[in-house]
Amino acid sequence: MEVNTSPATEIDGRSNSYRPPAIELRGVSKTYRPVAQAPVRALVHVTLSVPAGQVIGVLGPNAAGKTTLLKLIAGRLRPTSGQVQVQGHDVVRERAAALRQLGVALDARLARRSQASVWQHLLHCGYQLDVGGLEVKERATELLRELDLWDRRDDPLHTYSSTMQRKVALACALLADPAIVVFDEPTLGLDEGATRSIRQWIAQLAQRRGKTVLLTMSQPSLLSAICDRVVLLRQGRLVANLTAAELRVLLRSTQYQLRVRGQLGSQWSEWFDGLTVLPAGGDETILRGTIADQAALHGVIGKVRDLALPLLAVAREELSLDDLFDRLTERAAQGREGHAGDEPALPRSSP
């Protein structure tokens, strides 16, 4: 399935000059061919255009093709078919020119046994990226401060936790001040506070520095909070290309969980309008299920009070990835019913 099959363009309002998309994929497929095994189609005819200066998220379950997509853009894989361009440069034919536009953090696993300090590691990364001595020191200082690593800059890299090593990988990706940055799961394994910090930092890369950011994450709600658009992959196919607002609408769950004090058996389900009644340990019970709207929710709460049960908590459950894709399938089916004989149109990738 293709999204926006025509090449996307951007117009600079000040000069009216043509600006190529920051990243463009045209009919890109990637098939792995393991020895003595059946071919694996990691990506299937993906067409996507990423305007400059936006934060674009890639969402999908395991084995959806997310990391393969990023590796193709970063020049670490060659497409089986189709074309990948970065700032108008073909990643295969003009590899060096294309990669000069990119900062990439695809693997946060750094040298665990390295005795080099984090500061030394960043200077070495700068040397590999051809960033000069004073320039790399200034950028390394700025990035380490932004990522809350400055106080431990002289510690050996191998003493860093996996969380801190992930931050170091992000810093390395930005040392050469690239126009485009590509991050694979930048918040994986981070606690809530660190995730919030990285989320704000990524948003500022686009808002304050004008960078284009392409990243994968496994949390739909987090992507909807920091991205301009989110593309959804499933089994190697691009199934939707949504604005952040469209994704937030899809994520509005009608699944609730109410926790009450008191023991109730499953026979109370009918009383609570078909909600599942589950023991929660101790003297507590969980009521879980679909509640259509606020009026229905207040009705359930009223029934809890009718039984004189203390209400301990009410929470709306976050939609799972599977639920999200089910909703997309339902929406596509409704679109087909509403436009019989027409192909359903997915949102276009250019703004």
Protein backbone atom coordinates (compact mmCIF):
# COMPACT_ATOMS: atom_id res chain seq x y z
CA MET A 1 0.00 0.00 0.00
CA GLU A 2 1.42 3.37 -1.00
CA VAL A 3 1.08 6.73 0.62
CA ASN A 4 1.53 9.86 -1.50
CA THR A 5 2.98 8.28 -4.61
CA SER A 6 3.88 11.63 -6.17
CA PRO A 7 7.23 13.14 -5.14
CA ALA A 8 6.75 15.55 -2.27
CA THR A 9 8.12 19.05 -2.59
CA GLU A 10 8.56 21.96 -0.26
CA ILE A 11 8.58 25.64 -1.06
CA ASP A 12 10.67 28.10 0.92
CA GLY A 13 8.34 31.04 1.50
CA ARG A 14 11.19 33.56 1.47
CA SER A 15 12.81 32.54 -1.80
CA ASN A 16 10.12 30.38 -3.50
CA SER A 17 12.97 28.00 -4.32
CA TYR A 18 12.49 24.26 -4.56
CA ARG A 19 13.48 22.31 -1.48
CA PRO A 20 13.60 18.53 -1.68
CA PRO A 21 12.06 16.56 1.17
CA ALA A 22 14.52 15.80 3.96
CA ILE A 23 13.90 12.07 3.38
CA GLU A 24 12.04 10.38 0.55
CA LEU A 25 11.36 6.71 -0.14
CA ARG A 26 9.81 5.67 -3.44
CA GLY A 27 8.45 2.14 -3.76
CA VAL A 28 11.09 0.73 -1.40
CA SER A 29 11.15 -3.00 -0.69
CA LYS A 30 13.69 -5.03 1.27
CA THR A 31 13.82 -8.82 1.18
CA TYR A 32 16.29 -10.82 3.26
CA ARG A 33 17.36 -14.14 1.79
CA PRO A 34 18.78 -16.35 4.54
CA VAL A 35 20.75 -19.40 3.41
CA ALA A 36 18.53 -22.49 3.13
CA GLN A 37 15.52 -20.55 4.40
CA ALA A 38 12.52 -18.89 2.85
CA PRO A 39 12.93 -15.21 1.89
CA VAL A 40 11.78 -12.67 4.47
CA ARG A 41 10.02 -9.57 3.13
CA ALA A 42 10.94 -6.93 5.71
CA LEU A 43 9.53 -3.98 3.73
CA VAL A 44 7.02 -4.08 0.89
CA HIS A 45 6.78 -1.19 -1.59
CA VAL A 46 6.94 1.66 0.95
CA THR A 47 6.54 5.22 -0.33
CA LEU A 48 7.04 8.02 2.17
CA SER A 49 8.06 11.67 2.16
CA VAL A 50 9.41 13.51 5.22
CA PRO A 51 9.37 17.34 5.08
CA ALA A 52 12.32 19.20 6.57
CA GLY A 53 12.05 20.42 10.16
CA GLN A 54 9.45 17.91 11.32
CA VAL A 55 9.51 15.13 13.90
CA ILE A 56 8.24 11.92 12.30
CA GLY A 57 7.57 8.77 14.30
CA VAL A 58 7.53 5.19 13.06
CA LEU A 59 5.23 2.88 15.00
CA GLY A 60 4.63 -0.84 14.70
CA PRO A 61 4.89 -4.20 16.48
CA ASN A 62 8.03 -6.32 16.53
CA ALA A 63 9.16 -7.43 13.06
CA ALA A 64 7.08 -4.69 11.42
CA GLY A 65 10.12 -3.40 9.51
CA LYS A 66 10.86 -0.29 11.61
CA THR A 67 14.59 -0.86 12.11
CA THR A 68 15.01 -2.05 8.51
CA LEU A 69 13.44 1.22 7.35
CA LEU A 70 15.90 3.27 9.41
CA LYS A 71 18.89 1.20 8.27
CA LEU A 72 17.95 1.76 4.63
CA ILE A 73 17.80 5.52 5.23
CA ALA A 74 21.13 5.41 7.09
CA GLY A 75 22.80 3.55 4.24
CA ARG A 76 23.46 0.42 6.29
CA LEU A 77 21.32 -1.70 3.97
CA ARG A 78 20.64 -1.55 0.25
CA PRO A 79 17.02 -1.74 -0.88
CA THR A 80 15.98 -4.75 -2.93
CA SER A 81 13.99 -2.33 -5.07
CA GLY A 82 12.97 1.30 -4.99
CA GLN A 83 14.88 4.46 -4.14
CA VAL A 84 15.89 6.17 -0.88
CA GLN A 85 16.92 9.84 -0.95
CA VAL A 86 18.28 12.09 1.80
CA GLN A 87 18.21 15.83 1.05
CA GLY A 88 17.85 14.93 -2.63
CA HIS A 89 20.88 12.57 -2.63
CA ASP A 90 20.37 8.92 -3.55
CA VAL A 91 21.62 6.83 -0.60
CA VAL A 92 23.01 4.12 -2.93
CA ARG A 93 24.48 6.17 -5.78
CA GLU A 94 25.48 9.25 -3.74
CA ARG A 95 26.16 7.54 -0.44
CA ALA A 96 28.81 9.94 0.93
CA ALA A 97 26.78 13.07 0.16
CA ALA A 98 23.61 11.55 1.62
CA LEU A 99 25.24 10.34 4.83
CA ARG A 100 26.83 13.74 5.50
CA GLN A 101 23.29 15.00 6.14
CA LEU A 102 22.56 12.36 8.79
CA GLY A 103 23.20 11.74 12.45
CA VAL A 104 22.31 8.17 13.37
CA ALA A 105 21.75 6.33 16.67
CA LEU A 106 20.49 2.85 15.81
CA ASP A 107 22.36 0.74 18.35
CA ALA A 108 22.90 2.02 21.89
CA ARG A 109 25.15 -0.88 22.86
CA LEU A 110 28.56 0.77 23.09
CA ALA A 111 31.90 -0.84 23.92
CA ARG A 112 31.17 -2.28 27.35
CA ARG A 113 34.84 -3.07 28.08
CA SER A 114 36.27 0.21 26.83
CA GLN A 115 38.52 1.96 29.34
CA ALA A 116 38.07 5.27 27.54
CA SER A 117 36.12 7.95 29.34
CA VAL A 118 32.87 9.21 27.89
CA TRP A 119 34.63 12.49 27.04
CA GLN A 120 37.35 10.59 25.14
CA HIS A 121 34.71 8.50 23.38
CA LEU A 122 32.92 11.61 22.11
CA LEU A 123 36.18 13.16 20.89
CA HIS A 124 36.91 9.92 19.02
CA CYS A 125 33.42 10.01 17.46
CA GLY A 126 34.06 13.59 16.41
CA TYR A 127 37.35 12.59 14.78
CA GLN A 128 35.57 9.87 12.81
CA LEU A 129 32.95 12.42 11.72
CA ASP A 130 35.68 14.88 10.68
CA VAL A 131 34.69 17.47 13.28
CA GLY A 132 37.58 19.75 14.31
CA GLY A 133 39.20 19.85 17.75
CA LEU A 134 37.71 23.01 19.28
CA GLU A 135 34.38 22.49 17.52
CA VAL A 136 33.95 18.93 18.75
CA LYS A 137 34.83 19.95 22.32
CA GLU A 138 32.23 22.72 22.27
CA ARG A 139 29.55 20.42 20.87
CA ALA A 140 30.44 17.57 23.22
CA THR A 141 30.20 19.92 26.19
CA GLU A 142 26.81 21.23 25.08
CA LEU A 143 25.37 17.76 24.43
CA LEU A 144 26.65 16.25 27.67
CA ARG A 145 25.08 19.11 29.63
CA GLU A 146 21.78 18.79 27.76
CA LEU A 147 21.65 15.05 28.43
CA ASP A 148 22.66 15.34 32.11
CA LEU A 149 25.95 13.48 31.60
CA TRP A 150 28.42 16.31 32.19
CA ASP A 151 29.25 15.44 35.81
CA ARG A 152 30.29 11.92 34.73
CA ARG A 153 32.16 12.84 31.55
CA ASP A 154 35.46 11.49 32.91
CA ASP A 155 34.03 8.12 34.00
CA PRO A 156 34.99 5.10 31.88
CA LEU A 157 32.35 4.28 29.32
CA HIS A 158 32.01 0.70 30.53
CA THR A 159 30.79 1.93 33.94
CA TYR A 160 27.75 3.55 32.37
CA SER A 161 24.36 1.87 32.66
CA SER A 162 22.54 0.88 29.48
CA THR A 163 20.32 3.94 29.97
CA MET A 164 23.31 6.28 30.10
CA GLN A 165 24.96 4.55 27.15
CA ARG A 166 21.83 5.21 25.15
CA LYS A 167 22.22 8.91 25.92
CA VAL A 168 25.87 8.78 24.82
CA ALA A 169 24.79 7.24 21.51
CA LEU A 170 22.33 10.11 21.01
CA ALA A 171 25.10 12.62 21.70
CA CYS A 172 27.41 10.95 19.16
CA ALA A 173 24.68 11.18 16.52
CA LEU A 174 24.56 14.98 16.91
CA LEU A 175 28.28 15.79 17.15
CA ALA A 176 28.56 16.80 13.50
CA ASP A 177 25.44 19.00 13.80
CA PRO A 178 23.56 17.11 11.04
CA ALA A 179 20.40 18.45 9.43
CA ILE A 180 18.61 15.11 9.94
CA VAL A 181 18.78 12.76 12.92
CA VAL A 182 17.57 9.16 13.00
CA PHE A 183 16.93 7.45 16.34
CA ASP A 184 15.86 3.85 16.94
CA GLU A 185 13.90 3.51 20.22
CA PRO A 186 15.64 6.43 22.00
CA THR A 187 13.60 5.95 25.20
CA LEU A 188 13.82 2.14 25.41
CA GLY A 189 14.51 1.05 28.98
CA LEU A 190 14.39 4.58 30.42
CA ASP A 191 12.41 5.39 33.53
CA GLU A 192 9.57 7.89 33.44
CA GLY A 193 11.72 10.89 34.35
CA ALA A 194 14.44 10.10 31.80
CA THR A 195 11.81 9.42 29.12
CA ARG A 196 10.22 12.81 29.74
CA SER A 197 13.63 14.49 29.54
CA ILE A 198 14.53 12.80 26.23
CA ARG A 199 11.09 13.56 24.82
CA GLN A 200 11.51 17.27 25.54
CA TRP A 201 15.04 17.24 24.14
CA ILE A 202 13.91 15.61 20.88
CA ALA A 203 11.09 18.13 20.47
CA GLN A 204 13.57 20.98 20.92
CA LEU A 205 15.84 19.59 18.19
CA ALA A 206 13.13 20.44 15.68
CA GLN A 207 11.59 23.48 17.32
CA ARG A 208 14.77 25.35 18.26
CA ARG A 209 17.39 23.95 15.90
CA GLY A 210 15.28 23.25 12.84
CA LYS A 211 16.36 19.62 12.55
CA THR A 212 14.39 16.84 10.93
CA VAL A 213 13.92 13.92 13.32
CA LEU A 214 12.88 10.38 12.34
CA LEU A 215 12.50 7.94 15.20
CA THR A 216 10.90 4.68 16.23
CA MET A 217 9.14 4.10 19.54
CA SER A 218 6.87 1.43 20.92
CA GLN A 219 4.59 3.79 22.88
CA PRO A 220 1.85 5.32 20.68
CA SER A 221 0.92 7.97 23.26
CA LEU A 222 4.53 9.15 23.54
CA LEU A 223 4.87 9.48 19.77
CA SER A 224 1.60 11.40 19.57
CA ALA A 225 2.96 13.88 22.13
CA ILE A 226 6.20 14.80 20.32
CA CYS A 227 5.70 14.06 16.61
CA ASP A 228 4.19 16.07 13.79
CA ARG A 229 3.22 12.85 12.01
CA VAL A 230 3.33 9.13 12.78
CA VAL A 231 3.57 6.36 10.18
CA LEU A 232 2.39 2.88 11.10
CA LEU A 233 4.06 -0.25 9.76
CA ARG A 234 2.70 -3.77 9.91
CA GLN A 235 4.37 -6.80 8.32
CA GLY A 236 6.58 -4.52 6.27
CA ARG A 237 3.72 -2.45 4.82
CA LEU A 238 2.90 1.18 5.51
CA VAL A 239 -0.72 1.00 6.62
CA ALA A 240 -1.29 4.58 7.79
CA ASN A 241 0.32 8.00 7.84
CA LEU A 242 -1.35 10.15 10.48
CA THR A 243 -0.99 13.57 11.99
CA ALA A 244 -0.35 13.55 15.73
CA ALA A 245 -3.88 14.85 16.27
CA GLU A 246 -5.36 11.98 14.22
CA LEU A 247 -3.37 9.47 16.26
CA ARG A 248 -4.56 10.99 19.53
CA VAL A 249 -8.17 10.59 18.39
CA LEU A 250 -7.54 6.91 17.62
CA LEU A 251 -5.92 6.43 21.01
CA ARG A 252 -8.94 7.65 22.94
CA SER A 253 -9.76 4.45 24.71
CA THR A 254 -13.15 3.46 26.08
CA GLN A 255 -11.53 0.77 28.24
CA TYR A 256 -11.71 1.58 31.94
CA GLN A 257 -10.56 0.02 35.16
CA LEU A 258 -12.19 0.78 38.51
CA ARG A 259 -10.67 -0.43 41.77
CA VAL A 260 -12.99 -0.74 44.79
CA ARG A 261 -12.57 -1.92 48.35
CA GLY A 262 -14.59 -5.02 49.05
CA GLN A 263 -14.81 -8.53 47.64
CA LEU A 264 -17.16 -9.18 44.73
CA GLY A 265 -17.65 -12.35 42.71
CA SER A 266 -18.00 -12.68 38.94
CA GLN A 267 -21.79 -12.92 39.35
CA TRP A 268 -21.80 -9.12 39.85
CA SER A 269 -20.78 -8.56 36.21
CA GLU A 270 -24.40 -8.12 35.04
CA TRP A 271 -25.05 -5.57 37.78
CA PHE A 272 -22.07 -3.54 36.49
CA ASP A 273 -23.33 -3.50 32.89
CA GLY A 274 -21.19 -6.43 31.73
CA LEU A 275 -17.85 -5.26 33.14
CA THR A 276 -15.42 -8.02 34.08
CA VAL A 277 -15.18 -8.46 37.86
CA LEU A 278 -11.75 -9.59 39.08
CA PRO A 279 -10.25 -10.14 42.54
CA ALA A 280 -7.32 -7.76 43.13
CA GLY A 281 -5.84 -9.37 46.22
CA GLY A 282 -6.60 -8.52 49.79
CA ASP A 283 -9.94 -6.82 50.23
CA GLU A 284 -10.13 -5.23 46.78
CA THR A 285 -11.89 -5.87 43.45
CA ILE A 286 -11.19 -4.68 39.91
CA LEU A 287 -13.99 -3.77 37.48
CA ARG A 288 -12.68 -3.68 33.90
CA GLY A 289 -14.23 -3.26 30.48
CA THR A 290 -15.66 -0.94 27.84
CA ILE A 291 -17.56 2.12 29.06
CA ALA A 292 -19.05 4.08 26.18
CA ASP A 293 -19.02 7.62 27.57
CA GLN A 294 -18.89 9.78 30.68
CA ALA A 295 -22.58 9.25 31.41
CA ALA A 296 -22.09 5.48 31.43
CA LEU A 297 -19.01 5.87 33.63
CA HIS A 298 -20.95 7.91 36.18
CA GLY A 299 -23.66 5.24 36.06
CA VAL A 300 -21.14 2.54 37.04
CA ILE A 301 -19.73 4.73 39.80
CA GLY A 302 -23.28 5.25 41.07
CA LYS A 303 -23.78 1.47 41.28
CA VAL A 304 -20.54 1.14 43.27
CA ARG A 305 -21.88 3.71 45.72
CA ASP A 306 -25.25 1.93 45.88
CA LEU A 307 -23.36 -1.06 47.28
CA ALA A 308 -21.58 1.20 49.79
CA LEU A 309 -18.20 0.17 48.38
CA PRO A 310 -15.35 2.69 48.71
CA LEU A 311 -14.09 3.67 45.22
CA LEU A 312 -10.27 3.62 45.30
CA ALA A 313 -9.30 4.52 41.72
CA VAL A 314 -10.65 5.04 38.20
CA ALA A 315 -8.28 4.80 35.22
CA ARG A 316 -8.69 4.77 31.48
CA GLU A 317 -6.46 2.08 30.01
CA GLU A 318 -4.08 2.97 27.20
CA LEU A 319 -4.85 1.34 23.87
CA SER A 320 -2.44 -1.45 22.93
CA LEU A 321 -0.72 -1.59 19.54
CA ASP A 322 -3.00 -4.47 18.53
CA ASP A 323 -6.08 -2.43 19.52
CA LEU A 324 -4.76 0.52 17.53
CA PHE A 325 -4.31 -1.54 14.37
CA ASP A 326 -7.76 -3.07 14.88
CA ARG A 327 -9.22 0.45 14.96
CA LEU A 328 -7.39 1.33 11.75
CA THR A 329 -8.82 -1.78 10.12
CA GLU A 330 -12.32 -0.87 11.28
CA ARG A 331 -11.91 2.68 9.99
CA ALA A 332 -10.72 1.43 6.59
CA ALA A 333 -13.71 -0.93 6.39
CA GLN A 334 -16.09 1.93 7.22
CA GLY A 335 -14.43 4.01 4.52
CA ARG A 336 -15.00 1.28 1.96
CA GLU A 337 -18.65 0.99 2.96
CA GLY A 338 -19.09 4.75 2.71
CA HIS A 339 -17.41 4.96 -0.71
CA ALA A 340 -18.47 1.82 -2.50
CA GLY A 341 -16.34 1.19 -5.55
CA ASP A 342 -13.64 3.67 -4.50
CA GLU A 343 -10.29 2.86 -2.93
CA PRO A 344 -10.07 4.29 0.62
CA ALA A 345 -7.68 7.21 0.76
CA LEU A 346 -5.09 7.29 3.52
CA PRO A 347 -3.76 10.60 4.83
CA ARG A 348 -1.00 12.04 2.67
CA SER A 349 2.52 12.32 4.04
CA SER A 350 3.11 15.92 3.07
CA PRO A 351 1.47 18.61 5.18
